[in-house]
Amino acid sequence: MTGDVIVGKVFWQDINCVSIVDANNEQISVWKMAIAYMKVRSDAVVERDLSKSAQKNKLYNKI
């Protein structure tokens, strides 16, 4: 282990990687298998529903 620490917000993730946006708005992609430990620094978790039905509902709600 290298001891490197990355602090930021999760921007996106897939089955292999996670992308972090740091305080300078720089995007850092990290292989999940390279992560030894992740610590959540906030209780606030935003859950997004990206399904097509949810997107249609948002569109109808704006009209």
N, C-alpha and C. Protein backbone atom coordinates (compact mmCIF):
# COMPACT_ATOMS: atom_id res chain seq x y z
N MET A 1 0.83 -1.18 0.00
CA MET A 1 0.00 0.00 0.00
C MET A 1 0.88 1.24 0.00
N THR A 2 0.39 2.26 -0.69
CA THR A 2 1.17 3.49 -0.84
C THR A 2 0.87 4.53 0.22
N GLY A 3 -0.30 4.44 0.85
CA GLY A 3 -0.68 5.44 1.83
C GLY A 3 -1.28 6.69 1.23
N ASP A 4 -1.50 6.70 -0.10
CA ASP A 4 -2.11 7.86 -0.75
C ASP A 4 -3.53 8.05 -0.26
N VAL A 5 -3.94 9.31 -0.09
CA VAL A 5 -5.29 9.64 0.34
C VAL A 5 -5.90 10.57 -0.70
N ILE A 6 -7.09 10.24 -1.16
CA ILE A 6 -7.83 11.08 -2.10
C ILE A 6 -9.09 11.55 -1.39
N VAL A 7 -9.30 12.86 -1.35
CA VAL A 7 -10.47 13.44 -0.70
C VAL A 7 -11.31 14.12 -1.76
N GLY A 8 -12.59 13.81 -1.80
CA GLY A 8 -13.48 14.44 -2.77
C GLY A 8 -14.85 13.78 -2.74
N LYS A 9 -15.61 14.06 -3.79
CA LYS A 9 -16.96 13.52 -3.91
C LYS A 9 -16.99 12.50 -5.04
N VAL A 10 -17.75 11.44 -4.84
CA VAL A 10 -17.91 10.44 -5.90
C VAL A 10 -18.71 11.08 -7.02
N PHE A 11 -18.13 11.11 -8.22
CA PHE A 11 -18.78 11.69 -9.38
C PHE A 11 -19.55 10.64 -10.15
N TRP A 12 -18.93 9.50 -10.38
CA TRP A 12 -19.59 8.35 -11.00
C TRP A 12 -18.84 7.10 -10.61
N GLN A 13 -19.50 5.97 -10.83
CA GLN A 13 -18.83 4.69 -10.60
C GLN A 13 -19.46 3.65 -11.50
N ASP A 14 -18.69 2.65 -11.85
CA ASP A 14 -19.20 1.48 -12.56
C ASP A 14 -18.69 0.25 -11.83
N ILE A 15 -18.77 -0.91 -12.46
CA ILE A 15 -18.37 -2.12 -11.76
C ILE A 15 -16.87 -2.20 -11.51
N ASN A 16 -16.06 -1.45 -12.26
CA ASN A 16 -14.60 -1.54 -12.12
C ASN A 16 -13.95 -0.31 -11.51
N CYS A 17 -14.50 0.86 -11.75
CA CYS A 17 -13.84 2.11 -11.36
C CYS A 17 -14.77 3.03 -10.58
N VAL A 18 -14.15 3.97 -9.90
CA VAL A 18 -14.88 5.05 -9.24
C VAL A 18 -14.16 6.35 -9.61
N SER A 19 -14.94 7.38 -9.89
CA SER A 19 -14.39 8.67 -10.25
C SER A 19 -14.68 9.66 -9.12
N ILE A 20 -13.63 10.33 -8.67
CA ILE A 20 -13.72 11.29 -7.57
C ILE A 20 -13.42 12.68 -8.11
N VAL A 21 -14.22 13.67 -7.69
CA VAL A 21 -13.95 15.07 -8.01
C VAL A 21 -13.41 15.71 -6.75
N ASP A 22 -12.20 16.27 -6.85
CA ASP A 22 -11.57 16.86 -5.66
C ASP A 22 -11.94 18.33 -5.50
N ALA A 23 -11.35 19.00 -4.52
CA ALA A 23 -11.66 20.40 -4.21
C ALA A 23 -11.30 21.34 -5.35
N ASN A 24 -10.40 20.94 -6.24
CA ASN A 24 -10.01 21.76 -7.38
C ASN A 24 -10.81 21.44 -8.64
N ASN A 25 -11.89 20.67 -8.47
CA ASN A 25 -12.74 20.21 -9.58
C ASN A 25 -11.98 19.35 -10.58
N GLU A 26 -10.94 18.67 -10.11
CA GLU A 26 -10.21 17.73 -10.96
C GLU A 26 -10.81 16.35 -10.75
N GLN A 27 -11.01 15.64 -11.85
CA GLN A 27 -11.60 14.31 -11.80
C GLN A 27 -10.51 13.26 -11.75
N ILE A 28 -10.61 12.36 -10.78
CA ILE A 28 -9.62 11.30 -10.59
C ILE A 28 -10.35 9.96 -10.69
N SER A 29 -9.90 9.10 -11.59
CA SER A 29 -10.48 7.76 -11.74
C SER A 29 -9.57 6.74 -11.07
N VAL A 30 -10.17 5.87 -10.27
CA VAL A 30 -9.41 4.87 -9.52
C VAL A 30 -10.06 3.50 -9.74
N TRP A 31 -9.22 2.50 -10.01
CA TRP A 31 -9.72 1.13 -10.08
C TRP A 31 -10.20 0.73 -8.70
N LYS A 32 -11.39 0.13 -8.61
CA LYS A 32 -11.92 -0.28 -7.31
C LYS A 32 -11.02 -1.29 -6.62
N MET A 33 -10.38 -2.18 -7.39
CA MET A 33 -9.53 -3.18 -6.76
C MET A 33 -8.25 -2.57 -6.17
N ALA A 34 -7.99 -1.28 -6.47
CA ALA A 34 -6.82 -0.61 -5.91
C ALA A 34 -7.16 0.11 -4.60
N ILE A 35 -8.44 0.13 -4.23
CA ILE A 35 -8.86 0.84 -3.01
C ILE A 35 -8.82 -0.13 -1.83
N ALA A 36 -8.07 0.26 -0.81
CA ALA A 36 -7.99 -0.57 0.39
C ALA A 36 -9.07 -0.20 1.40
N TYR A 37 -9.44 1.09 1.45
CA TYR A 37 -10.38 1.55 2.47
C TYR A 37 -11.05 2.82 1.98
N MET A 38 -12.37 2.93 2.18
CA MET A 38 -13.10 4.16 1.89
C MET A 38 -13.81 4.61 3.15
N LYS A 39 -13.69 5.89 3.45
CA LYS A 39 -14.32 6.44 4.65
C LYS A 39 -15.32 7.50 4.21
N VAL A 40 -16.57 7.35 4.63
CA VAL A 40 -17.60 8.34 4.35
C VAL A 40 -17.44 9.48 5.34
N ARG A 41 -17.37 10.70 4.82
CA ARG A 41 -17.15 11.85 5.69
C ARG A 41 -18.43 12.63 5.97
N SER A 42 -19.56 12.20 5.44
CA SER A 42 -20.80 12.94 5.62
C SER A 42 -21.96 11.98 5.77
N ASP A 43 -22.97 12.42 6.52
CA ASP A 43 -24.19 11.63 6.65
C ASP A 43 -25.08 11.82 5.43
N ALA A 44 -24.88 12.93 4.72
CA ALA A 44 -25.75 13.27 3.59
C ALA A 44 -25.43 12.39 2.39
N VAL A 45 -26.38 11.57 2.04
CA VAL A 45 -26.24 10.71 0.87
C VAL A 45 -27.37 11.05 -0.08
N VAL A 46 -27.02 11.39 -1.31
CA VAL A 46 -28.02 11.72 -2.31
C VAL A 46 -28.24 10.49 -3.18
N GLU A 47 -29.47 10.03 -3.20
CA GLU A 47 -29.80 8.87 -4.03
C GLU A 47 -30.54 9.36 -5.25
N ARG A 48 -30.07 8.96 -6.41
CA ARG A 48 -30.69 9.39 -7.66
C ARG A 48 -31.30 8.20 -8.36
N ASP A 49 -32.51 8.40 -8.86
CA ASP A 49 -33.18 7.37 -9.65
C ASP A 49 -33.01 7.75 -11.11
N LEU A 50 -32.16 7.04 -11.82
CA LEU A 50 -31.85 7.37 -13.20
C LEU A 50 -32.65 6.54 -14.20
N SER A 51 -33.69 5.86 -13.72
CA SER A 51 -34.49 5.05 -14.62
C SER A 51 -35.25 5.96 -15.59
N LYS A 52 -35.64 5.41 -16.71
CA LYS A 52 -36.36 6.20 -17.72
C LYS A 52 -37.69 6.70 -17.20
N SER A 53 -38.37 5.91 -16.37
CA SER A 53 -39.66 6.35 -15.83
C SER A 53 -39.48 7.56 -14.92
N ALA A 54 -38.41 7.58 -14.14
CA ALA A 54 -38.15 8.72 -13.25
C ALA A 54 -37.82 9.96 -14.07
N GLN A 55 -37.08 9.79 -15.17
CA GLN A 55 -36.74 10.93 -16.02
C GLN A 55 -37.99 11.49 -16.68
N LYS A 56 -38.91 10.62 -17.10
CA LYS A 56 -40.16 11.08 -17.70
C LYS A 56 -40.99 11.84 -16.68
N ASN A 57 -41.04 11.34 -15.44
CA ASN A 57 -41.80 12.03 -14.40
C ASN A 57 -41.25 13.42 -14.14
N LYS A 58 -39.93 13.56 -14.15
CA LYS A 58 -39.32 14.87 -13.95
C LYS A 58 -39.71 15.81 -15.08
N LEU A 59 -39.73 15.30 -16.31
CA LEU A 59 -40.09 16.11 -17.45
C LEU A 59 -41.53 16.58 -17.33
N TYR A 60 -42.44 15.68 -16.95
CA TYR A 60 -43.84 16.04 -16.81
C TYR A 60 -44.05 17.01 -15.66
N ASN A 61 -43.28 16.88 -14.61
CA ASN A 61 -43.42 17.78 -13.46
C ASN A 61 -42.97 19.20 -13.79
N LYS A 62 -42.07 19.35 -14.76
CA LYS A 62 -41.60 20.68 -15.13
C LYS A 62 -42.61 21.43 -16.01
N ILE A 63 -43.43 20.69 -16.71
CA ILE A 63 -44.37 21.32 -17.66
C ILE A 63 -45.53 21.94 -16.95
